[in-house]
Amino acid sequence: MNRNENADCRRRRLPLVMAYVPWQEWGERYDNERGFARGTIFPDLFYPFLGREAAD
């Protein structure tokens, strides 16, 4: 079996991706207007993009 055939064999047996999604605690919520403006109603999920890293 050559290198390409071996890689194809492994790809067929492995899942494409596996995701880990932790449980989210129900906490505070933004009001409708602020939530719409920020793209989320949950303050814990609001991380504005500043060009390099998220702000706290």
Protein backbone atom coordinates (compact mmCIF):
# COMPACT_ATOMS: atom_id res chain seq x y z
CA MET A 1 0.00 0.00 0.00
CA ASN A 2 1.49 3.34 -0.98
CA ARG A 3 1.39 6.53 1.07
CA ASN A 4 -1.74 8.00 -0.61
CA GLU A 5 -3.74 4.78 -0.24
CA ASN A 6 -2.78 4.58 3.43
CA ALA A 7 -3.92 8.19 4.03
CA ASP A 8 -7.24 7.52 2.24
CA CYS A 9 -7.82 4.47 4.42
CA ARG A 10 -7.27 6.49 7.60
CA ARG A 11 -9.53 9.33 6.40
CA ARG A 12 -12.42 6.95 5.81
CA ARG A 13 -12.21 5.54 9.34
CA LEU A 14 -11.87 8.84 11.23
CA PRO A 15 -14.74 11.24 11.89
CA LEU A 16 -14.52 14.55 10.07
CA VAL A 17 -14.72 16.66 13.23
CA MET A 18 -15.61 16.35 16.89
CA ALA A 19 -16.98 19.32 18.81
CA TYR A 20 -17.10 20.04 22.50
CA VAL A 21 -19.93 22.34 23.55
CA PRO A 22 -20.11 22.99 27.29
CA TRP A 23 -23.45 23.52 29.01
CA GLN A 24 -24.33 27.16 29.27
CA GLU A 25 -25.68 28.48 32.55
CA TRP A 26 -28.80 30.61 32.20
CA GLY A 27 -27.83 34.00 33.55
CA GLU A 28 -28.41 37.65 32.87
CA ARG A 29 -29.85 38.78 29.55
CA TYR A 30 -29.65 42.01 27.63
CA ASP A 31 -32.89 43.80 26.82
CA ASN A 32 -34.13 43.27 23.25
CA GLU A 33 -32.67 46.48 21.81
CA ARG A 34 -29.19 46.00 23.26
CA GLY A 35 -29.20 42.27 22.42
CA PHE A 36 -30.07 43.00 18.80
CA ALA A 37 -27.32 45.64 18.58
CA ARG A 38 -24.71 43.28 20.06
CA GLY A 39 -25.80 40.13 18.24
CA THR A 40 -26.54 38.17 21.43
CA ILE A 41 -28.87 38.48 24.38
CA PHE A 42 -26.28 36.89 26.70
CA PRO A 43 -23.58 39.18 28.14
CA ASP A 44 -21.31 36.13 28.66
CA LEU A 45 -21.25 35.58 24.87
CA PHE A 46 -20.53 39.17 23.88
CA TYR A 47 -16.92 39.45 22.69
CA PRO A 48 -16.55 42.37 20.28
CA PHE A 49 -13.95 42.01 17.56
CA LEU A 50 -11.31 44.70 17.95
CA GLY A 51 -8.98 43.63 15.17
CA ARG A 52 -6.65 41.47 17.25
CA GLU A 53 -8.29 40.03 20.37
CA ALA A 54 -11.56 40.04 22.27
CA ALA A 55 -12.20 42.56 25.01
CA ASP A 56 -13.38 41.64 28.47
